[in-house]
Amino acid sequence: MSPAIDTVTEDFMEAKAEARYIRVSPQKARLVVDQIRGKQAGQAITILQTINKRIAPAVEKVLRSAIANARNSPAELDVDQLVVTEAYVHDGPRMKRIRPAPMGRAYRYQRRMAHIVVKVGDK
């Protein structure tokens, strides 16, 4: 049997921006990123400015960077019609730390990092 070949052509362009090694738990960053997925770019910026989370300004910065990348791309992307096509958060590396504990023991804990990716397109 020959493998099936997917011949779907995409007729929209995308621009991507990524922030890596952000010092926030990926679980907490996903709460914010889930709010903007599928929204218009201008509406997503408004949502990020009004949301009360510490990571929201960093996600807004990534979104603005993706919009700027779309504006400067060689393809003719209409900036007013941009939509957040993809937005996701990956786990970054973890910093292992030690906290002193009673009776000479030590407790280990992890400081998590996240990689935030936002893609905008003219869907």
C-alpha atoms as a PDB file:
ATOM      1  CA  MET A   1       0.000   0.000   0.000  1.00  0.00           C
ATOM      2  CA  SER A   2       1.252   3.452  -0.806  1.00  0.00           C
ATOM      3  CA  PRO A   3       0.996   6.188   1.796  1.00  0.00           C
ATOM      4  CA  ALA A   4      -1.811   8.702   1.399  1.00  0.00           C
ATOM      5  CA  ILE A   5      -0.649  12.090   0.188  1.00  0.00           C
ATOM      6  CA  ASP A   6      -2.431  15.122   1.568  1.00  0.00           C
ATOM      7  CA  THR A   7      -2.839  17.684  -1.218  1.00  0.00           C
ATOM      8  CA  VAL A   8      -4.653  20.405   0.707  1.00  0.00           C
ATOM      9  CA  THR A   9      -3.293  23.794  -0.265  1.00  0.00           C
ATOM     10  CA  GLU A  10      -3.399  26.624   2.195  1.00  0.00           C
ATOM     11  CA  ASP A  11      -4.394  29.940   0.669  1.00  0.00           C
ATOM     12  CA  PHE A  12      -3.598  32.089   3.697  1.00  0.00           C
ATOM     13  CA  MET A  13      -0.296  33.349   5.008  1.00  0.00           C
ATOM     14  CA  GLU A  14       0.968  33.254   8.568  1.00  0.00           C
ATOM     15  CA  ALA A  15       3.512  35.130  10.628  1.00  0.00           C
ATOM     16  CA  LYS A  16       5.011  33.703  13.802  1.00  0.00           C
ATOM     17  CA  ALA A  17       6.635  35.040  16.945  1.00  0.00           C
ATOM     18  CA  GLU A  18       8.086  33.077  19.834  1.00  0.00           C
ATOM     19  CA  ALA A  19       9.298  33.916  23.324  1.00  0.00           C
ATOM     20  CA  ARG A  20      11.523  31.320  24.923  1.00  0.00           C
ATOM     21  CA  TYR A  21      12.637  30.693  28.508  1.00  0.00           C
ATOM     22  CA  ILE A  22       9.923  32.817  30.118  1.00  0.00           C
ATOM     23  CA  ARG A  23      10.008  32.382  33.895  1.00  0.00           C
ATOM     24  CA  VAL A  24       6.419  31.326  34.456  1.00  0.00           C
ATOM     25  CA  SER A  25       4.729  27.992  34.851  1.00  0.00           C
ATOM     26  CA  PRO A  26       3.435  26.726  31.482  1.00  0.00           C
ATOM     27  CA  GLN A  27       0.145  25.817  33.146  1.00  0.00           C
ATOM     28  CA  LYS A  28      -0.388  29.434  34.193  1.00  0.00           C
ATOM     29  CA  ALA A  29       0.658  30.770  30.788  1.00  0.00           C
ATOM     30  CA  ARG A  30      -1.816  28.470  29.041  1.00  0.00           C
ATOM     31  CA  LEU A  31      -4.675  30.073  30.971  1.00  0.00           C
ATOM     32  CA  VAL A  32      -3.873  33.392  29.281  1.00  0.00           C
ATOM     33  CA  VAL A  33      -2.986  32.039  25.834  1.00  0.00           C
ATOM     34  CA  ASP A  34      -6.254  30.088  25.644  1.00  0.00           C
ATOM     35  CA  GLN A  35      -8.161  33.390  25.934  1.00  0.00           C
ATOM     36  CA  ILE A  36      -6.771  34.831  22.678  1.00  0.00           C
ATOM     37  CA  ARG A  37      -6.717  31.799  20.385  1.00  0.00           C
ATOM     38  CA  GLY A  38      -8.950  32.375  17.335  1.00  0.00           C
ATOM     39  CA  LYS A  39      -9.634  36.048  18.087  1.00  0.00           C
ATOM     40  CA  GLN A  40      -8.962  39.083  15.901  1.00  0.00           C
ATOM     41  CA  ALA A  41      -5.508  40.551  16.617  1.00  0.00           C
ATOM     42  CA  GLY A  42      -6.855  43.883  17.879  1.00  0.00           C
ATOM     43  CA  GLN A  43      -9.402  42.169  20.094  1.00  0.00           C
ATOM     44  CA  ALA A  44      -6.689  39.855  21.457  1.00  0.00           C
ATOM     45  CA  ILE A  45      -4.517  42.841  22.429  1.00  0.00           C
ATOM     46  CA  THR A  46      -7.481  44.372  24.262  1.00  0.00           C
ATOM     47  CA  ILE A  47      -8.096  41.102  26.113  1.00  0.00           C
ATOM     48  CA  LEU A  48      -4.435  40.873  27.137  1.00  0.00           C
ATOM     49  CA  GLN A  49      -4.429  44.458  28.399  1.00  0.00           C
ATOM     50  CA  THR A  50      -7.447  43.849  30.617  1.00  0.00           C
ATOM     51  CA  ILE A  51      -6.626  40.362  31.937  1.00  0.00           C
ATOM     52  CA  ASN A  52      -5.214  40.347  35.468  1.00  0.00           C
ATOM     53  CA  LYS A  53      -2.347  37.857  35.174  1.00  0.00           C
ATOM     54  CA  ARG A  54       1.389  38.425  35.521  1.00  0.00           C
ATOM     55  CA  ILE A  55       2.182  36.727  32.204  1.00  0.00           C
ATOM     56  CA  ALA A  56      -0.289  38.813  30.141  1.00  0.00           C
ATOM     57  CA  PRO A  57       2.215  41.600  29.222  1.00  0.00           C
ATOM     58  CA  ALA A  58       4.704  39.001  27.957  1.00  0.00           C
ATOM     59  CA  VAL A  59       2.046  37.317  25.799  1.00  0.00           C
ATOM     60  CA  GLU A  60       0.987  40.735  24.494  1.00  0.00           C
ATOM     61  CA  LYS A  61       4.584  41.469  23.542  1.00  0.00           C
ATOM     62  CA  VAL A  62       4.784  38.187  21.600  1.00  0.00           C
ATOM     63  CA  LEU A  63       1.485  38.972  19.853  1.00  0.00           C
ATOM     64  CA  ARG A  64       2.680  42.461  18.871  1.00  0.00           C
ATOM     65  CA  SER A  65       5.891  40.907  17.554  1.00  0.00           C
ATOM     66  CA  ALA A  66       3.902  38.452  15.421  1.00  0.00           C
ATOM     67  CA  ILE A  67       1.836  41.354  14.035  1.00  0.00           C
ATOM     68  CA  ALA A  68       5.039  43.270  13.223  1.00  0.00           C
ATOM     69  CA  ASN A  69       6.445  40.155  11.528  1.00  0.00           C
ATOM     70  CA  ALA A  70       3.269  39.958   9.416  1.00  0.00           C
ATOM     71  CA  ARG A  71       3.571  43.636   8.518  1.00  0.00           C
ATOM     72  CA  ASN A  72       7.191  43.201   7.394  1.00  0.00           C
ATOM     73  CA  SER A  73       6.713  39.910   5.553  1.00  0.00           C
ATOM     74  CA  PRO A  74       7.051  39.814   1.761  1.00  0.00           C
ATOM     75  CA  ALA A  75       3.480  38.513   1.420  1.00  0.00           C
ATOM     76  CA  GLU A  76       0.625  40.985   1.225  1.00  0.00           C
ATOM     77  CA  LEU A  77      -0.917  40.538   4.683  1.00  0.00           C
ATOM     78  CA  ASP A  78      -3.636  42.977   5.673  1.00  0.00           C
ATOM     79  CA  VAL A  79      -2.777  43.897   9.249  1.00  0.00           C
ATOM     80  CA  ASP A  80      -6.376  44.929  10.042  1.00  0.00           C
ATOM     81  CA  GLN A  81      -7.677  41.460   9.128  1.00  0.00           C
ATOM     82  CA  LEU A  82      -5.171  39.406  11.152  1.00  0.00           C
ATOM     83  CA  VAL A  83      -6.469  36.582  13.328  1.00  0.00           C
ATOM     84  CA  VAL A  84      -4.582  34.626  15.985  1.00  0.00           C
ATOM     85  CA  THR A  85      -4.526  31.314  14.138  1.00  0.00           C
ATOM     86  CA  GLU A  86      -2.349  29.427  16.630  1.00  0.00           C
ATOM     87  CA  ALA A  87      -1.233  30.193  20.159  1.00  0.00           C
ATOM     88  CA  TYR A  88       0.334  27.612  22.418  1.00  0.00           C
ATOM     89  CA  VAL A  89       2.771  27.165  25.284  1.00  0.00           C
ATOM     90  CA  HIS A  90       5.460  24.500  25.538  1.00  0.00           C
ATOM     91  CA  ASP A  91       7.352  23.438  28.646  1.00  0.00           C
ATOM     92  CA  GLY A  92      10.834  24.867  28.891  1.00  0.00           C
ATOM     93  CA  PRO A  93      13.678  23.498  30.968  1.00  0.00           C
ATOM     94  CA  ARG A  94      13.271  23.287  34.717  1.00  0.00           C
ATOM     95  CA  MET A  95      15.684  24.739  37.222  1.00  0.00           C
ATOM     96  CA  LYS A  96      16.107  22.354  40.125  1.00  0.00           C
ATOM     97  CA  ARG A  97      16.540  24.085  43.468  1.00  0.00           C
ATOM     98  CA  ILE A  98      17.008  22.910  47.052  1.00  0.00           C
ATOM     99  CA  ARG A  99      15.234  24.284  50.102  1.00  0.00           C
ATOM    100  CA  PRO A 100      16.556  23.547  53.598  1.00  0.00           C
ATOM    101  CA  ALA A 101      14.288  21.270  55.595  1.00  0.00           C
ATOM    102  CA  PRO A 102      14.171  20.240  59.269  1.00  0.00           C
ATOM    103  CA  MET A 103      16.757  17.932  60.790  1.00  0.00           C
ATOM    104  CA  GLY A 104      19.423  18.589  58.159  1.00  0.00           C
ATOM    105  CA  ARG A 105      17.356  17.417  55.256  1.00  0.00           C
ATOM    106  CA  ALA A 106      16.751  19.197  51.942  1.00  0.00           C
ATOM    107  CA  TYR A 107      13.597  19.477  49.870  1.00  0.00           C
ATOM    108  CA  ARG A 108      13.914  19.771  46.100  1.00  0.00           C
ATOM    109  CA  TYR A 109      11.630  22.002  44.114  1.00  0.00           C
ATOM    110  CA  GLN A 110      11.523  23.040  40.483  1.00  0.00           C
ATOM    111  CA  ARG A 111      11.269  26.466  38.916  1.00  0.00           C
ATOM    112  CA  ARG A 112       9.482  26.032  35.623  1.00  0.00           C
ATOM    113  CA  MET A 113       9.943  27.902  32.345  1.00  0.00           C
ATOM    114  CA  ALA A 114       7.739  28.226  29.290  1.00  0.00           C
ATOM    115  CA  HIS A 115       8.120  28.799  25.556  1.00  0.00           C
ATOM    116  CA  ILE A 116       5.239  30.889  24.141  1.00  0.00           C
ATOM    117  CA  VAL A 117       4.389  30.720  20.421  1.00  0.00           C
ATOM    118  CA  VAL A 118       1.832  32.940  18.664  1.00  0.00           C
ATOM    119  CA  LYS A 119       0.953  32.739  14.964  1.00  0.00           C
ATOM    120  CA  VAL A 120      -1.227  35.273  13.173  1.00  0.00           C
ATOM    121  CA  GLY A 121      -2.718  34.946   9.719  1.00  0.00           C
ATOM    122  CA  ASP A 122      -5.350  36.367   7.407  1.00  0.00           C
ATOM    123  CA  LYS A 123      -7.794  33.511   7.655  1.00  0.00           C
END
